[in-house]
Amino acid sequence: MEDKNTFAATGRRKESVARVSIFSGKGKITVNGKQVSDYLMRESLVEHVKAPLLATDTFGKLDLECKSTGGGLSGQAGAIRLAVSRALVVFNPDYRTALRRGGFLTRDPRAVERKKYGQPKARKRFQYSKR
């Protein structure tokens, strides 16, 4: 893999971290050694990951190798999407405008709110009793 022209980037979403390497090929996408559709299981998440490639018209021209850890499938899909977008910018800086316009280069800052003491969850309260 190192002998090819490889471009790598990291993406994060919720508790997930993804490291993506892109290189020229036939459009094969693997996540943790599995096909992307086998790993992510939902078609909507697979489309989520492919979106930056479709926006830059590179789908089917580049191979992606992803390593993803932490969180759930939705968070991992978001992390992979951000990493793919960042790697495409390293691959070709001209893609930046198209990716920025599509919102693919913005890291989603939303994460789970912490649980507060005296409450069962982050915002849920214990039932109030007047007497």
N, C-alpha and C. Protein backbone atom coordinates (compact mmCIF):
# COMPACT_ATOMS: atom_id res chain seq x y z
N MET A 1 0.82 -1.20 0.00
CA MET A 1 0.00 0.00 0.00
C MET A 1 0.86 1.26 0.00
N GLU A 2 2.01 1.23 0.66
CA GLU A 2 2.85 2.41 0.77
C GLU A 2 3.49 2.79 -0.57
N ASP A 3 3.67 1.81 -1.50
CA ASP A 3 4.31 2.11 -2.77
C ASP A 3 3.39 2.89 -3.71
N LYS A 4 2.07 2.82 -3.51
CA LYS A 4 1.12 3.57 -4.33
C LYS A 4 1.04 5.01 -3.82
N ASN A 5 0.44 5.88 -4.63
CA ASN A 5 0.16 7.24 -4.17
C ASN A 5 -1.01 7.19 -3.21
N THR A 6 -0.73 7.28 -1.92
CA THR A 6 -1.75 7.17 -0.89
C THR A 6 -1.96 8.51 -0.22
N PHE A 7 -3.22 8.85 0.01
CA PHE A 7 -3.56 10.09 0.71
C PHE A 7 -4.44 9.71 1.89
N ALA A 8 -4.05 10.14 3.09
CA ALA A 8 -4.76 9.73 4.31
C ALA A 8 -5.28 10.94 5.06
N ALA A 9 -6.34 10.70 5.84
CA ALA A 9 -6.92 11.74 6.69
C ALA A 9 -7.70 11.09 7.82
N THR A 10 -7.98 11.88 8.85
CA THR A 10 -8.71 11.41 10.02
C THR A 10 -10.00 12.20 10.15
N GLY A 11 -11.07 11.50 10.57
CA GLY A 11 -12.36 12.15 10.82
C GLY A 11 -12.92 11.70 12.14
N ARG A 12 -13.69 12.57 12.79
CA ARG A 12 -14.31 12.23 14.07
C ARG A 12 -15.77 12.64 14.07
N ARG A 13 -16.59 11.86 14.80
CA ARG A 13 -18.02 12.16 14.96
C ARG A 13 -18.49 11.45 16.21
N LYS A 14 -19.15 12.16 17.13
CA LYS A 14 -19.57 11.61 18.42
C LYS A 14 -18.35 10.99 19.11
N GLU A 15 -18.38 9.69 19.38
CA GLU A 15 -17.23 9.02 20.01
C GLU A 15 -16.39 8.25 19.01
N SER A 16 -16.70 8.35 17.73
CA SER A 16 -16.02 7.56 16.70
C SER A 16 -14.85 8.30 16.09
N VAL A 17 -13.84 7.53 15.73
CA VAL A 17 -12.67 8.06 15.03
C VAL A 17 -12.43 7.17 13.82
N ALA A 18 -12.21 7.78 12.66
CA ALA A 18 -11.96 7.02 11.43
C ALA A 18 -10.70 7.52 10.76
N ARG A 19 -9.89 6.59 10.27
CA ARG A 19 -8.69 6.89 9.51
C ARG A 19 -8.91 6.31 8.11
N VAL A 20 -8.81 7.16 7.10
CA VAL A 20 -9.09 6.74 5.73
C VAL A 20 -7.88 6.97 4.85
N SER A 21 -7.56 5.97 4.02
CA SER A 21 -6.52 6.10 3.00
C SER A 21 -7.19 5.95 1.64
N ILE A 22 -6.87 6.87 0.72
CA ILE A 22 -7.42 6.76 -0.63
C ILE A 22 -6.28 6.61 -1.62
N PHE A 23 -6.52 5.81 -2.65
CA PHE A 23 -5.57 5.64 -3.73
C PHE A 23 -6.33 5.25 -4.98
N SER A 24 -5.71 5.44 -6.14
CA SER A 24 -6.41 5.18 -7.39
C SER A 24 -6.75 3.70 -7.51
N GLY A 25 -7.93 3.42 -8.07
CA GLY A 25 -8.40 2.05 -8.20
C GLY A 25 -9.72 1.99 -8.92
N LYS A 26 -10.54 1.01 -8.54
CA LYS A 26 -11.80 0.76 -9.22
C LYS A 26 -13.03 1.12 -8.39
N GLY A 27 -12.86 1.80 -7.25
CA GLY A 27 -14.01 2.20 -6.44
C GLY A 27 -14.33 1.27 -5.30
N LYS A 28 -13.37 0.43 -4.89
CA LYS A 28 -13.59 -0.51 -3.79
C LYS A 28 -13.47 0.22 -2.46
N ILE A 29 -14.47 0.06 -1.59
CA ILE A 29 -14.47 0.70 -0.27
C ILE A 29 -14.50 -0.39 0.79
N THR A 30 -13.48 -0.42 1.65
CA THR A 30 -13.44 -1.39 2.74
C THR A 30 -13.36 -0.64 4.07
N VAL A 31 -14.10 -1.16 5.06
CA VAL A 31 -14.08 -0.61 6.41
C VAL A 31 -13.71 -1.74 7.36
N ASN A 32 -12.61 -1.60 8.06
CA ASN A 32 -12.10 -2.62 8.99
C ASN A 32 -12.04 -4.00 8.33
N GLY A 33 -11.59 -4.03 7.08
CA GLY A 33 -11.41 -5.29 6.38
C GLY A 33 -12.65 -5.87 5.73
N LYS A 34 -13.80 -5.21 5.87
CA LYS A 34 -15.05 -5.69 5.27
C LYS A 34 -15.52 -4.71 4.20
N GLN A 35 -16.39 -5.19 3.32
CA GLN A 35 -17.04 -4.31 2.36
C GLN A 35 -17.87 -3.29 3.12
N VAL A 36 -17.98 -2.07 2.61
CA VAL A 36 -18.69 -1.00 3.31
C VAL A 36 -20.15 -1.36 3.58
N SER A 37 -20.82 -2.02 2.62
CA SER A 37 -22.23 -2.38 2.81
C SER A 37 -22.38 -3.48 3.86
N ASP A 38 -21.39 -4.38 3.98
CA ASP A 38 -21.44 -5.43 4.99
C ASP A 38 -21.17 -4.87 6.39
N TYR A 39 -20.30 -3.85 6.46
CA TYR A 39 -19.94 -3.30 7.77
C TYR A 39 -21.02 -2.35 8.31
N LEU A 40 -21.46 -1.41 7.47
CA LEU A 40 -22.42 -0.39 7.94
C LEU A 40 -23.86 -0.89 7.94
N MET A 41 -24.17 -1.90 7.14
CA MET A 41 -25.44 -2.62 7.14
C MET A 41 -26.66 -1.83 6.65
N ARG A 42 -26.71 -0.53 6.86
CA ARG A 42 -27.85 0.26 6.39
C ARG A 42 -27.45 1.02 5.13
N GLU A 43 -28.32 0.97 4.12
CA GLU A 43 -28.04 1.63 2.85
C GLU A 43 -27.88 3.15 3.02
N SER A 44 -28.63 3.73 3.96
CA SER A 44 -28.53 5.17 4.18
C SER A 44 -27.13 5.56 4.67
N LEU A 45 -26.52 4.73 5.51
CA LEU A 45 -25.18 5.01 6.00
C LEU A 45 -24.13 4.84 4.91
N VAL A 46 -24.34 3.85 4.04
CA VAL A 46 -23.43 3.64 2.91
C VAL A 46 -23.48 4.85 1.98
N GLU A 47 -24.69 5.35 1.70
CA GLU A 47 -24.85 6.55 0.86
C GLU A 47 -24.20 7.77 1.52
N HIS A 48 -24.30 7.83 2.86
CA HIS A 48 -23.69 8.91 3.64
C HIS A 48 -22.17 8.93 3.41
N VAL A 49 -21.56 7.75 3.40
CA VAL A 49 -20.11 7.64 3.20
C VAL A 49 -19.73 7.97 1.76
N LYS A 50 -20.56 7.57 0.78
CA LYS A 50 -20.25 7.78 -0.63
C LYS A 50 -20.48 9.22 -1.09
N ALA A 51 -21.22 10.01 -0.33
CA ALA A 51 -21.62 11.35 -0.75
C ALA A 51 -20.45 12.25 -1.18
N PRO A 52 -19.33 12.32 -0.43
CA PRO A 52 -18.23 13.18 -0.89
C PRO A 52 -17.64 12.72 -2.23
N LEU A 53 -17.61 11.41 -2.46
CA LEU A 53 -17.09 10.89 -3.74
C LEU A 53 -18.00 11.28 -4.89
N LEU A 54 -19.31 11.22 -4.66
CA LEU A 54 -20.27 11.60 -5.69
C LEU A 54 -20.21 13.10 -5.97
N ALA A 55 -20.00 13.90 -4.93
CA ALA A 55 -19.94 15.36 -5.08
C ALA A 55 -18.73 15.80 -5.90
N THR A 56 -17.63 15.04 -5.79
CA THR A 56 -16.40 15.38 -6.52
C THR A 56 -16.24 14.56 -7.79
N ASP A 57 -17.23 13.73 -8.11
CA ASP A 57 -17.23 12.91 -9.32
C ASP A 57 -16.02 11.96 -9.37
N THR A 58 -15.65 11.41 -8.20
CA THR A 58 -14.53 10.47 -8.13
C THR A 58 -15.00 9.07 -7.77
N PHE A 59 -16.30 8.86 -7.66
CA PHE A 59 -16.83 7.55 -7.31
C PHE A 59 -16.51 6.55 -8.42
N GLY A 60 -15.91 5.42 -8.08
CA GLY A 60 -15.52 4.42 -9.06
C GLY A 60 -14.12 4.60 -9.59
N LYS A 61 -13.45 5.69 -9.21
CA LYS A 61 -12.09 5.95 -9.68
C LYS A 61 -11.06 5.79 -8.57
N LEU A 62 -11.51 5.83 -7.30
CA LEU A 62 -10.60 5.73 -6.16
C LEU A 62 -10.99 4.58 -5.25
N ASP A 63 -9.99 3.91 -4.67
CA ASP A 63 -10.22 2.89 -3.65
C ASP A 63 -10.08 3.53 -2.28
N LEU A 64 -10.92 3.11 -1.34
CA LEU A 64 -10.86 3.63 0.02
C LEU A 64 -10.61 2.48 0.99
N GLU A 65 -9.69 2.72 1.91
CA GLU A 65 -9.43 1.76 2.98
C GLU A 65 -9.63 2.51 4.29
N CYS A 66 -10.62 2.08 5.08
CA CYS A 66 -11.00 2.79 6.29
C CYS A 66 -10.76 1.93 7.52
N LYS A 67 -10.29 2.56 8.58
CA LYS A 67 -10.21 1.92 9.88
C LYS A 67 -11.02 2.79 10.83
N SER A 68 -12.05 2.20 11.46
CA SER A 68 -12.96 2.97 12.29
C SER A 68 -13.10 2.32 13.65
N THR A 69 -13.07 3.15 14.70
CA THR A 69 -13.19 2.65 16.07
C THR A 69 -14.12 3.55 16.86
N GLY A 70 -14.70 2.99 17.92
CA GLY A 70 -15.50 3.77 18.87
C GLY A 70 -16.89 4.08 18.38
N GLY A 71 -17.80 4.29 19.32
CA GLY A 71 -19.16 4.70 19.00
C GLY A 71 -19.96 3.64 18.29
N GLY A 72 -21.03 4.06 17.64
CA GLY A 72 -21.90 3.16 16.90
C GLY A 72 -21.74 3.33 15.41
N LEU A 73 -22.59 2.67 14.65
CA LEU A 73 -22.47 2.70 13.20
C LEU A 73 -22.72 4.09 12.61
N SER A 74 -23.69 4.80 13.17
CA SER A 74 -24.00 6.14 12.66
C SER A 74 -22.83 7.10 12.86
N GLY A 75 -22.25 7.06 14.05
CA GLY A 75 -21.09 7.90 14.34
C GLY A 75 -19.90 7.53 13.49
N GLN A 76 -19.70 6.24 13.27
CA GLN A 76 -18.58 5.79 12.45
C GLN A 76 -18.77 6.21 11.00
N ALA A 77 -20.00 6.13 10.50
CA ALA A 77 -20.28 6.57 9.13
C ALA A 77 -19.98 8.06 8.97
N GLY A 78 -20.36 8.86 9.95
CA GLY A 78 -20.07 10.29 9.91
C GLY A 78 -18.59 10.58 9.97
N ALA A 79 -17.86 9.81 10.78
CA ALA A 79 -16.41 9.99 10.90
C ALA A 79 -15.72 9.60 9.60
N ILE A 80 -16.18 8.51 8.97
CA ILE A 80 -15.60 8.08 7.70
C ILE A 80 -15.85 9.12 6.62
N ARG A 81 -17.06 9.67 6.60
CA ARG A 81 -17.41 10.69 5.61
C ARG A 81 -16.51 11.92 5.72
N LEU A 82 -16.27 12.37 6.95
CA LEU A 82 -15.39 13.53 7.16
C LEU A 82 -13.96 13.20 6.75
N ALA A 83 -13.49 12.00 7.09
CA ALA A 83 -12.13 11.59 6.74
C ALA A 83 -11.96 11.47 5.23
N VAL A 84 -12.97 10.93 4.54
CA VAL A 84 -12.92 10.83 3.08
C VAL A 84 -12.85 12.22 2.46
N SER A 85 -13.64 13.14 2.97
CA SER A 85 -13.65 14.51 2.46
C SER A 85 -12.30 15.17 2.63
N ARG A 86 -11.72 15.01 3.82
CA ARG A 86 -10.40 15.60 4.08
C ARG A 86 -9.31 14.98 3.21
N ALA A 87 -9.39 13.66 3.01
CA ALA A 87 -8.41 12.98 2.17
C ALA A 87 -8.54 13.42 0.71
N LEU A 88 -9.77 13.67 0.25
CA LEU A 88 -9.97 14.14 -1.12
C LEU A 88 -9.35 15.52 -1.32
N VAL A 89 -9.40 16.36 -0.30
CA VAL A 89 -8.79 17.70 -0.40
C VAL A 89 -7.27 17.57 -0.48
N VAL A 90 -6.69 16.61 0.27
CA VAL A 90 -5.24 16.37 0.18
C VAL A 90 -4.89 15.82 -1.20
N PHE A 91 -5.75 14.93 -1.71
CA PHE A 91 -5.56 14.32 -3.03
C PHE A 91 -5.59 15.38 -4.13
N ASN A 92 -6.59 16.27 -4.07
CA ASN A 92 -6.73 17.32 -5.08
C ASN A 92 -7.35 18.56 -4.42
N PRO A 93 -6.56 19.61 -4.17
CA PRO A 93 -7.07 20.82 -3.50
C PRO A 93 -8.22 21.51 -4.24
N ASP A 94 -8.40 21.21 -5.53
CA ASP A 94 -9.49 21.82 -6.30
C ASP A 94 -10.86 21.34 -5.82
N TYR A 95 -10.90 20.18 -5.14
CA TYR A 95 -12.17 19.64 -4.65
C TYR A 95 -12.70 20.39 -3.44
N ARG A 96 -11.89 21.25 -2.84
CA ARG A 96 -12.28 21.93 -1.60
C ARG A 96 -13.58 22.72 -1.73
N THR A 97 -13.74 23.45 -2.82
CA THR A 97 -14.94 24.29 -2.98
C THR A 97 -16.21 23.43 -3.07
N ALA A 98 -16.15 22.35 -3.85
CA ALA A 98 -17.32 21.48 -3.99
C ALA A 98 -17.66 20.80 -2.66
N LEU A 99 -16.64 20.36 -1.94
CA LEU A 99 -16.87 19.69 -0.65
C LEU A 99 -17.36 20.68 0.40
N ARG A 100 -16.81 21.89 0.39
CA ARG A 100 -17.23 22.91 1.34
C ARG A 100 -18.69 23.29 1.09
N ARG A 101 -19.05 23.43 -0.19
CA ARG A 101 -20.42 23.79 -0.56
C ARG A 101 -21.41 22.71 -0.12
N GLY A 102 -20.99 21.45 -0.19
CA GLY A 102 -21.85 20.34 0.23
C GLY A 102 -21.87 20.14 1.74
N GLY A 103 -21.01 20.85 2.47
CA GLY A 103 -20.96 20.73 3.93
C GLY A 103 -20.21 19.50 4.42
N PHE A 104 -19.36 18.93 3.57
CA PHE A 104 -18.66 17.71 3.92
C PHE A 104 -17.41 17.94 4.76
N LEU A 105 -16.90 19.17 4.78
CA LEU A 105 -15.66 19.45 5.51
C LEU A 105 -15.92 19.99 6.92
N THR A 106 -17.18 20.14 7.31
CA THR A 106 -17.52 20.65 8.63
C THR A 106 -17.68 19.49 9.60
N ARG A 107 -16.95 19.53 10.69
CA ARG A 107 -17.04 18.48 11.71
C ARG A 107 -18.29 18.71 12.52
N ASP A 108 -19.13 17.68 12.64
CA ASP A 108 -20.38 17.79 13.40
C ASP A 108 -20.05 17.76 14.89
N PRO A 109 -20.26 18.87 15.62
CA PRO A 109 -19.82 18.94 17.02
C PRO A 109 -20.78 18.29 18.02
N ARG A 110 -21.94 17.83 17.54
CA ARG A 110 -22.93 17.29 18.47
C ARG A 110 -22.44 16.01 19.13
N ALA A 111 -22.59 15.94 20.44
CA ALA A 111 -22.21 14.74 21.19
C ALA A 111 -23.22 14.57 22.32
N VAL A 112 -23.17 13.44 22.99
CA VAL A 112 -24.11 13.15 24.06
C VAL A 112 -23.86 14.09 25.23
N GLU A 113 -24.94 14.67 25.75
CA GLU A 113 -24.85 15.56 26.90
C GLU A 113 -24.61 14.74 28.17
N ARG A 114 -23.79 15.26 29.07
CA ARG A 114 -23.44 14.49 30.25
C ARG A 114 -24.60 14.39 31.23
N LYS A 115 -24.62 13.30 32.00
CA LYS A 115 -25.64 13.09 33.01
C LYS A 115 -25.34 14.00 34.21
N LYS A 116 -26.38 14.64 34.77
CA LYS A 116 -26.20 15.50 35.94
C LYS A 116 -26.58 14.73 37.20
N TYR A 117 -25.94 15.09 38.29
CA TYR A 117 -26.27 14.45 39.57
C TYR A 117 -27.64 14.91 40.03
N GLY A 118 -28.35 14.05 40.76
CA GLY A 118 -29.71 14.37 41.22
C GLY A 118 -30.76 14.18 40.15
N GLN A 119 -30.37 13.63 39.00
CA GLN A 119 -31.29 13.37 37.90
C GLN A 119 -30.98 11.99 37.33
N PRO A 120 -32.02 11.31 36.79
CA PRO A 120 -31.75 9.98 36.23
C PRO A 120 -30.98 10.01 34.90
N LYS A 121 -31.15 11.12 34.12
CA LYS A 121 -30.44 11.26 32.84
C LYS A 121 -29.99 12.72 32.72
N ALA A 122 -29.55 13.10 31.52
CA ALA A 122 -29.02 14.44 31.34
C ALA A 122 -30.06 15.53 31.63
N ARG A 123 -31.29 15.35 31.14
CA ARG A 123 -32.33 16.37 31.33
C ARG A 123 -33.56 15.86 32.07
N LYS A 124 -33.75 14.55 32.09
CA LYS A 124 -34.90 13.99 32.77
C LYS A 124 -34.78 14.23 34.27
N ARG A 125 -35.92 14.57 34.92
CA ARG A 125 -35.92 14.79 36.37
C ARG A 125 -36.65 13.65 37.05
N PHE A 126 -36.32 13.44 38.32
CA PHE A 126 -37.12 12.51 39.12
C PHE A 126 -38.50 13.12 39.33
N GLN A 127 -39.52 12.28 39.53
CA GLN A 127 -40.88 12.76 39.67
C GLN A 127 -40.99 13.65 40.92
N TYR A 128 -41.66 14.81 40.75
CA TYR A 128 -41.85 15.74 41.85
C TYR A 128 -43.01 15.27 42.72
N SER A 129 -42.80 15.28 44.01
CA SER A 129 -43.86 14.91 44.96
C SER A 129 -44.10 16.07 45.90
N LYS A 130 -45.33 16.59 45.90
CA LYS A 130 -45.62 17.74 46.75
C LYS A 130 -45.72 17.33 48.23
N ARG A 131 -46.25 16.15 48.49
CA ARG A 131 -46.37 15.67 49.88
C ARG A 131 -45.68 14.37 50.07
